Amino acid sequence: MNYPYLATALKQAGPYKGMDRHVDRAWLVRELSYKITETDFEQAALDVIRFIAPPLQSSLALWSNAVFLQQVEKIG
């Protein structure tokens, strides 16, 4: 992960625009974990299902806070 690049991109647009943040693994894991725990993945799956090919739609049932939090822990 290129944290300096991410910090620069975040400073340019979005909710962190103009903010000078120290971006490192701990910060990223904390921010992503917060967003994940606040997300209703059941509703998110319903929102995107029409864009997913029918044979792949069953994979949306796997979406959960636990699955995404597990992936966040793998960030280097």
PDB file of N, CA and C in Angstrom:
ATOM      1  N   MET A   1       0.848  -1.171   0.000  1.00  0.00           N
ATOM      2  CA  MET A   1       0.000   0.000   0.000  1.00  0.00           C
ATOM      3  C   MET A   1       0.894   1.234   0.000  1.00  0.00           C
ATOM      4  N   ASN A   2       0.569   2.156  -0.861  1.00  0.00           N
ATOM      5  CA  ASN A   2       1.327   3.404  -0.950  1.00  0.00           C
ATOM      6  C   ASN A   2       0.571   4.468  -0.127  1.00  0.00           C
ATOM      7  N   TYR A   3       0.897   4.552   1.154  1.00  0.00           N
ATOM      8  CA  TYR A   3       0.184   5.450   2.057  1.00  0.00           C
ATOM      9  C   TYR A   3       0.391   6.929   1.725  1.00  0.00           C
ATOM     10  N   PRO A   4       1.590   7.369   1.337  1.00  0.00           N
ATOM     11  CA  PRO A   4       1.729   8.779   0.946  1.00  0.00           C
ATOM     12  C   PRO A   4       0.828   9.147  -0.246  1.00  0.00           C
ATOM     13  N   TYR A   5       0.736   8.254  -1.219  1.00  0.00           N
ATOM     14  CA  TYR A   5      -0.128   8.491  -2.379  1.00  0.00           C
ATOM     15  C   TYR A   5      -1.594   8.584  -1.941  1.00  0.00           C
ATOM     16  N   LEU A   6      -2.002   7.663  -1.064  1.00  0.00           N
ATOM     17  CA  LEU A   6      -3.370   7.672  -0.549  1.00  0.00           C
ATOM     18  C   LEU A   6      -3.646   8.969   0.206  1.00  0.00           C
ATOM     19  N   ALA A   7      -2.709   9.400   1.036  1.00  0.00           N
ATOM     20  CA  ALA A   7      -2.887  10.638   1.795  1.00  0.00           C
ATOM     21  C   ALA A   7      -3.075  11.824   0.859  1.00  0.00           C
ATOM     22  N   THR A   8      -2.290  11.872  -0.205  1.00  0.00           N
ATOM     23  CA  THR A   8      -2.403  12.965  -1.176  1.00  0.00           C
ATOM     24  C   THR A   8      -3.752  12.933  -1.874  1.00  0.00           C
ATOM     25  N   ALA A   9      -4.188  11.759  -2.277  1.00  0.00           N
ATOM     26  CA  ALA A   9      -5.484  11.626  -2.955  1.00  0.00           C
ATOM     27  C   ALA A   9      -6.636  12.027  -2.028  1.00  0.00           C
ATOM     28  N   LEU A  10      -6.577  11.603  -0.782  1.00  0.00           N
ATOM     29  CA  LEU A  10      -7.633  11.930   0.173  1.00  0.00           C
ATOM     30  C   LEU A  10      -7.702  13.428   0.447  1.00  0.00           C
ATOM     31  N   LYS A  11      -6.553  14.078   0.422  1.00  0.00           N
ATOM     32  CA  LYS A  11      -6.501  15.517   0.685  1.00  0.00           C
ATOM     33  C   LYS A  11      -7.116  16.323  -0.462  1.00  0.00           C
ATOM     34  N   GLN A  12      -7.193  15.711  -1.647  1.00  0.00           N
ATOM     35  CA  GLN A  12      -7.671  16.420  -2.835  1.00  0.00           C
ATOM     36  C   GLN A  12      -9.182  16.391  -3.014  1.00  0.00           C
ATOM     37  N   ALA A  13      -9.841  15.375  -2.487  1.00  0.00           N
ATOM     38  CA  ALA A  13     -11.278  15.241  -2.737  1.00  0.00           C
ATOM     39  C   ALA A  13     -11.945  14.424  -1.638  1.00  0.00           C
ATOM     40  N   GLY A  14     -13.246  14.550  -1.560  1.00  0.00           N
ATOM     41  CA  GLY A  14     -14.029  13.740  -0.637  1.00  0.00           C
ATOM     42  C   GLY A  14     -14.078  14.306   0.769  1.00  0.00           C
ATOM     43  N   PRO A  15     -14.467  13.491   1.725  1.00  0.00           N
ATOM     44  CA  PRO A  15     -14.667  13.984   3.091  1.00  0.00           C
ATOM     45  C   PRO A  15     -13.382  14.467   3.777  1.00  0.00           C
ATOM     46  N   TYR A  16     -12.228  14.108   3.255  1.00  0.00           N
ATOM     47  CA  TYR A  16     -10.952  14.523   3.850  1.00  0.00           C
ATOM     48  C   TYR A  16     -10.296  15.650   3.065  1.00  0.00           C
ATOM     49  N   LYS A  17     -11.033  16.231   2.119  1.00  0.00           N
ATOM     50  CA  LYS A  17     -10.484  17.289   1.272  1.00  0.00           C
ATOM     51  C   LYS A  17      -9.944  18.434   2.129  1.00  0.00           C
ATOM     52  N   GLY A  18      -8.703  18.815   1.826  1.00  0.00           N
ATOM     53  CA  GLY A  18      -8.073  19.924   2.525  1.00  0.00           C
ATOM     54  C   GLY A  18      -7.524  19.581   3.894  1.00  0.00           C
ATOM     55  N   MET A  19      -7.762  18.384   4.369  1.00  0.00           N
ATOM     56  CA  MET A  19      -7.274  17.969   5.692  1.00  0.00           C
ATOM     57  C   MET A  19      -5.893  17.336   5.558  1.00  0.00           C
ATOM     58  N   ASP A  20      -5.053  17.667   6.486  1.00  0.00           N
ATOM     59  CA  ASP A  20      -3.714  17.082   6.498  1.00  0.00           C
ATOM     60  C   ASP A  20      -3.729  15.912   7.474  1.00  0.00           C
ATOM     61  N   ARG A  21      -3.847  14.721   6.962  1.00  0.00           N
ATOM     62  CA  ARG A  21      -3.937  13.499   7.767  1.00  0.00           C
ATOM     63  C   ARG A  21      -2.645  12.704   7.684  1.00  0.00           C
ATOM     64  N   HIS A  22      -2.266  12.103   8.812  1.00  0.00           N
ATOM     65  CA  HIS A  22      -1.176  11.133   8.783  1.00  0.00           C
ATOM     66  C   HIS A  22      -1.823   9.795   8.439  1.00  0.00           C
ATOM     67  N   VAL A  23      -1.570   9.317   7.251  1.00  0.00           N
ATOM     68  CA  VAL A  23      -2.192   8.083   6.780  1.00  0.00           C
ATOM     69  C   VAL A  23      -1.170   6.959   6.849  1.00  0.00           C
ATOM     70  N   ASP A  24      -1.503   5.964   7.655  1.00  0.00           N
ATOM     71  CA  ASP A  24      -0.690   4.759   7.752  1.00  0.00           C
ATOM     72  C   ASP A  24      -1.641   3.567   7.883  1.00  0.00           C
ATOM     73  N   ARG A  25      -1.100   2.389   8.069  1.00  0.00           N
ATOM     74  CA  ARG A  25      -1.942   1.198   8.133  1.00  0.00           C
ATOM     75  C   ARG A  25      -2.966   1.305   9.262  1.00  0.00           C
ATOM     76  N   ALA A  26      -2.533   1.743  10.429  1.00  0.00           N
ATOM     77  CA  ALA A  26      -3.440   1.836  11.578  1.00  0.00           C
ATOM     78  C   ALA A  26      -4.608   2.778  11.281  1.00  0.00           C
ATOM     79  N   TRP A  27      -4.310   3.923  10.667  1.00  0.00           N
ATOM     80  CA  TRP A  27      -5.368   4.874  10.332  1.00  0.00           C
ATOM     81  C   TRP A  27      -6.346   4.257   9.333  1.00  0.00           C
ATOM     82  N   LEU A  28      -5.807   3.631   8.280  1.00  0.00           N
ATOM     83  CA  LEU A  28      -6.654   3.048   7.246  1.00  0.00           C
ATOM     84  C   LEU A  28      -7.530   1.934   7.808  1.00  0.00           C
ATOM     85  N   VAL A  29      -6.957   1.060   8.604  1.00  0.00           N
ATOM     86  CA  VAL A  29      -7.729  -0.036   9.205  1.00  0.00           C
ATOM     87  C   VAL A  29      -8.830   0.529  10.097  1.00  0.00           C
ATOM     88  N   ARG A  30      -8.511   1.535  10.880  1.00  0.00           N
ATOM     89  CA  ARG A  30      -9.498   2.150  11.769  1.00  0.00           C
ATOM     90  C   ARG A  30     -10.647   2.775  10.967  1.00  0.00           C
ATOM     91  N   GLU A  31     -10.325   3.547   9.937  1.00  0.00           N
ATOM     92  CA  GLU A  31     -11.354   4.210   9.141  1.00  0.00           C
ATOM     93  C   GLU A  31     -12.222   3.208   8.371  1.00  0.00           C
ATOM     94  N   LEU A  32     -11.584   2.230   7.743  1.00  0.00           N
ATOM     95  CA  LEU A  32     -12.346   1.220   7.004  1.00  0.00           C
ATOM     96  C   LEU A  32     -13.219   0.389   7.942  1.00  0.00           C
ATOM     97  N   SER A  33     -12.665   0.023   9.086  1.00  0.00           N
ATOM     98  CA  SER A  33     -13.423  -0.776  10.053  1.00  0.00           C
ATOM     99  C   SER A  33     -14.657  -0.019  10.525  1.00  0.00           C
ATOM    100  N   TYR A  34     -14.502   1.270  10.768  1.00  0.00           N
ATOM    101  CA  TYR A  34     -15.646   2.083  11.182  1.00  0.00           C
ATOM    102  C   TYR A  34     -16.724   2.079  10.094  1.00  0.00           C
ATOM    103  N   LYS A  35     -16.319   2.333   8.847  1.00  0.00           N
ATOM    104  CA  LYS A  35     -17.286   2.363   7.746  1.00  0.00           C
ATOM    105  C   LYS A  35     -17.967   1.008   7.576  1.00  0.00           C
ATOM    106  N   ILE A  36     -17.204  -0.050   7.699  1.00  0.00           N
ATOM    107  CA  ILE A  36     -17.761  -1.396   7.536  1.00  0.00           C
ATOM    108  C   ILE A  36     -18.789  -1.687   8.620  1.00  0.00           C
ATOM    109  N   THR A  37     -18.481  -1.343   9.870  1.00  0.00           N
ATOM    110  CA  THR A  37     -19.427  -1.632  10.945  1.00  0.00           C
ATOM    111  C   THR A  37     -20.689  -0.786  10.834  1.00  0.00           C
ATOM    112  N   GLU A  38     -20.616   0.332  10.141  1.00  0.00           N
ATOM    113  CA  GLU A  38     -21.780   1.205   9.950  1.00  0.00           C
ATOM    114  C   GLU A  38     -22.604   0.824   8.714  1.00  0.00           C
ATOM    115  N   THR A  39     -22.113  -0.102   7.910  1.00  0.00           N
ATOM    116  CA  THR A  39     -22.776  -0.462   6.653  1.00  0.00           C
ATOM    117  C   THR A  39     -23.779  -1.595   6.853  1.00  0.00           C
ATOM    118  N   ASP A  40     -24.931  -1.436   6.254  1.00  0.00           N
ATOM    119  CA  ASP A  40     -25.951  -2.485   6.236  1.00  0.00           C
ATOM    120  C   ASP A  40     -25.727  -3.283   4.951  1.00  0.00           C
ATOM    121  N   PHE A  41     -25.010  -4.391   5.060  1.00  0.00           N
ATOM    122  CA  PHE A  41     -24.644  -5.151   3.871  1.00  0.00           C
ATOM    123  C   PHE A  41     -25.832  -5.865   3.240  1.00  0.00           C
ATOM    124  N   GLU A  42     -26.848  -6.132   4.004  1.00  0.00           N
ATOM    125  CA  GLU A  42     -28.061  -6.706   3.421  1.00  0.00           C
ATOM    126  C   GLU A  42     -28.693  -5.696   2.453  1.00  0.00           C
ATOM    127  N   GLN A  43     -28.783  -4.447   2.897  1.00  0.00           N
ATOM    128  CA  GLN A  43     -29.329  -3.395   2.040  1.00  0.00           C
ATOM    129  C   GLN A  43     -28.394  -3.121   0.863  1.00  0.00           C
ATOM    130  N   ALA A  44     -27.093  -3.118   1.117  1.00  0.00           N
ATOM    131  CA  ALA A  44     -26.122  -2.882   0.042  1.00  0.00           C
ATOM    132  C   ALA A  44     -26.267  -3.940  -1.050  1.00  0.00           C
ATOM    133  N   ALA A  45     -26.446  -5.195  -0.654  1.00  0.00           N
ATOM    134  CA  ALA A  45     -26.622  -6.271  -1.630  1.00  0.00           C
ATOM    135  C   ALA A  45     -27.880  -6.044  -2.459  1.00  0.00           C
ATOM    136  N   LEU A  46     -28.955  -5.610  -1.806  1.00  0.00           N
ATOM    137  CA  LEU A  46     -30.183  -5.318  -2.547  1.00  0.00           C
ATOM    138  C   LEU A  46     -29.978  -4.160  -3.528  1.00  0.00           C
ATOM    139  N   ASP A  47     -29.159  -3.201  -3.146  1.00  0.00           N
ATOM    140  CA  ASP A  47     -28.891  -2.041  -4.002  1.00  0.00           C
ATOM    141  C   ASP A  47     -28.123  -2.404  -5.272  1.00  0.00           C
ATOM    142  N   VAL A  48     -27.244  -3.409  -5.199  1.00  0.00           N
ATOM    143  CA  VAL A  48     -26.379  -3.725  -6.350  1.00  0.00           C
ATOM    144  C   VAL A  48     -26.795  -4.970  -7.125  1.00  0.00           C
ATOM    145  N   ILE A  49     -27.732  -5.736  -6.607  1.00  0.00           N
ATOM    146  CA  ILE A  49     -28.060  -7.027  -7.220  1.00  0.00           C
ATOM    147  C   ILE A  49     -28.435  -6.905  -8.701  1.00  0.00           C
ATOM    148  N   ARG A  50     -29.091  -5.829  -9.079  1.00  0.00           N
ATOM    149  CA  ARG A  50     -29.501  -5.687 -10.484  1.00  0.00           C
ATOM    150  C   ARG A  50     -28.319  -5.494 -11.428  1.00  0.00           C
ATOM    151  N   PHE A  51     -27.149  -5.150 -10.884  1.00  0.00           N
ATOM    152  CA  PHE A  51     -25.957  -4.958 -11.705  1.00  0.00           C
ATOM    153  C   PHE A  51     -25.083  -6.214 -11.781  1.00  0.00           C
ATOM    154  N   ILE A  52     -25.467  -7.249 -11.063  1.00  0.00           N
ATOM    155  CA  ILE A  52     -24.692  -8.494 -10.981  1.00  0.00           C
ATOM    156  C   ILE A  52     -25.362  -9.551 -11.855  1.00  0.00           C
ATOM    157  N   ALA A  53     -24.557 -10.236 -12.636  1.00  0.00           N
ATOM    158  CA  ALA A  53     -25.087 -11.300 -13.495  1.00  0.00           C
ATOM    159  C   ALA A  53     -25.790 -12.356 -12.634  1.00  0.00           C
ATOM    160  N   PRO A  54     -26.942 -12.857 -13.096  1.00  0.00           N
ATOM    161  CA  PRO A  54     -27.709 -13.828 -12.305  1.00  0.00           C
ATOM    162  C   PRO A  54     -26.887 -14.997 -11.736  1.00  0.00           C
ATOM    163  N   PRO A  55     -25.962 -15.585 -12.499  1.00  0.00           N
ATOM    164  CA  PRO A  55     -25.217 -16.701 -11.904  1.00  0.00           C
ATOM    165  C   PRO A  55     -24.334 -16.293 -10.721  1.00  0.00           C
ATOM    166  N   LEU A  56     -24.027 -15.016 -10.600  1.00  0.00           N
ATOM    167  CA  LEU A  56     -23.145 -14.537  -9.528  1.00  0.00           C
ATOM    168  C   LEU A  56     -23.894 -13.899  -8.358  1.00  0.00           C
ATOM    169  N   GLN A  57     -25.190 -13.717  -8.500  1.00  0.00           N
ATOM    170  CA  GLN A  57     -25.958 -13.018  -7.474  1.00  0.00           C
ATOM    171  C   GLN A  57     -25.943 -13.718  -6.116  1.00  0.00           C
ATOM    172  N   SER A  58     -25.827 -15.027  -6.114  1.00  0.00           N
ATOM    173  CA  SER A  58     -25.816 -15.754  -4.836  1.00  0.00           C
ATOM    174  C   SER A  58     -24.604 -15.383  -3.983  1.00  0.00           C
ATOM    175  N   SER A  59     -23.540 -14.898  -4.620  1.00  0.00           N
ATOM    176  CA  SER A  59     -22.350 -14.518  -3.855  1.00  0.00           C
ATOM    177  C   SER A  59     -22.617 -13.312  -2.953  1.00  0.00           C
ATOM    178  N   LEU A  60     -23.646 -12.533  -3.246  1.00  0.00           N
ATOM    179  CA  LEU A  60     -23.987 -11.392  -2.398  1.00  0.00           C
ATOM    180  C   LEU A  60     -24.425 -11.836  -1.004  1.00  0.00           C
ATOM    181  N   ALA A  61     -24.884 -13.055  -0.879  1.00  0.00           N
ATOM    182  CA  ALA A  61     -25.285 -13.584   0.426  1.00  0.00           C
ATOM    183  C   ALA A  61     -24.089 -13.699   1.372  1.00  0.00           C
ATOM    184  N   LEU A  62     -22.895 -13.699   0.808  1.00  0.00           N
ATOM    185  CA  LEU A  62     -21.674 -13.789   1.631  1.00  0.00           C
ATOM    186  C   LEU A  62     -21.291 -12.456   2.254  1.00  0.00           C
ATOM    187  N   TRP A  63     -21.831 -11.362   1.743  1.00  0.00           N
ATOM    188  CA  TRP A  63     -21.482 -10.036   2.251  1.00  0.00           C
ATOM    189  C   TRP A  63     -21.916  -9.902   3.707  1.00  0.00           C
ATOM    190  N   SER A  64     -20.969  -9.537   4.554  1.00  0.00           N
ATOM    191  CA  SER A  64     -21.266  -9.305   5.967  1.00  0.00           C
ATOM    192  C   SER A  64     -20.159  -8.449   6.562  1.00  0.00           C
ATOM    193  N   ASN A  65     -20.437  -7.867   7.713  1.00  0.00           N
ATOM    194  CA  ASN A  65     -19.410  -7.088   8.401  1.00  0.00           C
ATOM    195  C   ASN A  65     -18.182  -7.943   8.665  1.00  0.00           C
ATOM    196  N   ALA A  66     -18.401  -9.175   9.115  1.00  0.00           N
ATOM    197  CA  ALA A  66     -17.283 -10.052   9.463  1.00  0.00           C
ATOM    198  C   ALA A  66     -16.386 -10.329   8.263  1.00  0.00           C
ATOM    199  N   VAL A  67     -16.978 -10.587   7.116  1.00  0.00           N
ATOM    200  CA  VAL A  67     -16.191 -10.887   5.912  1.00  0.00           C
ATOM    201  C   VAL A  67     -15.339  -9.691   5.514  1.00  0.00           C
ATOM    202  N   PHE A  68     -15.923  -8.506   5.500  1.00  0.00           N
ATOM    203  CA  PHE A  68     -15.170  -7.326   5.081  1.00  0.00           C
ATOM    204  C   PHE A  68     -14.133  -6.919   6.126  1.00  0.00           C
ATOM    205  N   LEU A  69     -14.439  -7.071   7.409  1.00  0.00           N
ATOM    206  CA  LEU A  69     -13.460  -6.773   8.444  1.00  0.00           C
ATOM    207  C   LEU A  69     -12.265  -7.716   8.361  1.00  0.00           C
ATOM    208  N   GLN A  70     -12.533  -8.948   8.014  1.00  0.00           N
ATOM    209  CA  GLN A  70     -11.451  -9.931   7.828  1.00  0.00           C
ATOM    210  C   GLN A  70     -10.532  -9.513   6.682  1.00  0.00           C
ATOM    211  N   GLN A  71     -11.092  -8.982   5.637  1.00  0.00           N
ATOM    212  CA  GLN A  71     -10.283  -8.521   4.503  1.00  0.00           C
ATOM    213  C   GLN A  71      -9.448  -7.286   4.876  1.00  0.00           C
ATOM    214  N   VAL A  72     -10.015  -6.410   5.678  1.00  0.00           N
ATOM    215  CA  VAL A  72      -9.279  -5.216   6.103  1.00  0.00           C
ATOM    216  C   VAL A  72      -8.017  -5.612   6.874  1.00  0.00           C
ATOM    217  N   GLU A  73      -8.104  -6.645   7.667  1.00  0.00           N
ATOM    218  CA  GLU A  73      -6.939  -7.081   8.443  1.00  0.00           C
ATOM    219  C   GLU A  73      -5.790  -7.564   7.558  1.00  0.00           C
ATOM    220  N   LYS A  74      -6.077  -7.876   6.328  1.00  0.00           N
ATOM    221  CA  LYS A  74      -5.053  -8.357   5.396  1.00  0.00           C
ATOM    222  C   LYS A  74      -4.289  -7.215   4.721  1.00  0.00           C
ATOM    223  N   ILE A  75      -4.729  -5.975   4.942  1.00  0.00           N
ATOM    224  CA  ILE A  75      -4.075  -4.832   4.296  1.00  0.00           C
ATOM    225  C   ILE A  75      -2.649  -4.705   4.831  1.00  0.00           C
ATOM    226  N   GLY A  76      -1.733  -4.505   3.896  1.00  0.00           N
ATOM    227  CA  GLY A  76      -0.315  -4.432   4.262  1.00  0.00           C
ATOM    228  C   GLY A  76       0.167  -3.041   4.531  1.00  0.00           C
TER     229      GLY A  76
END
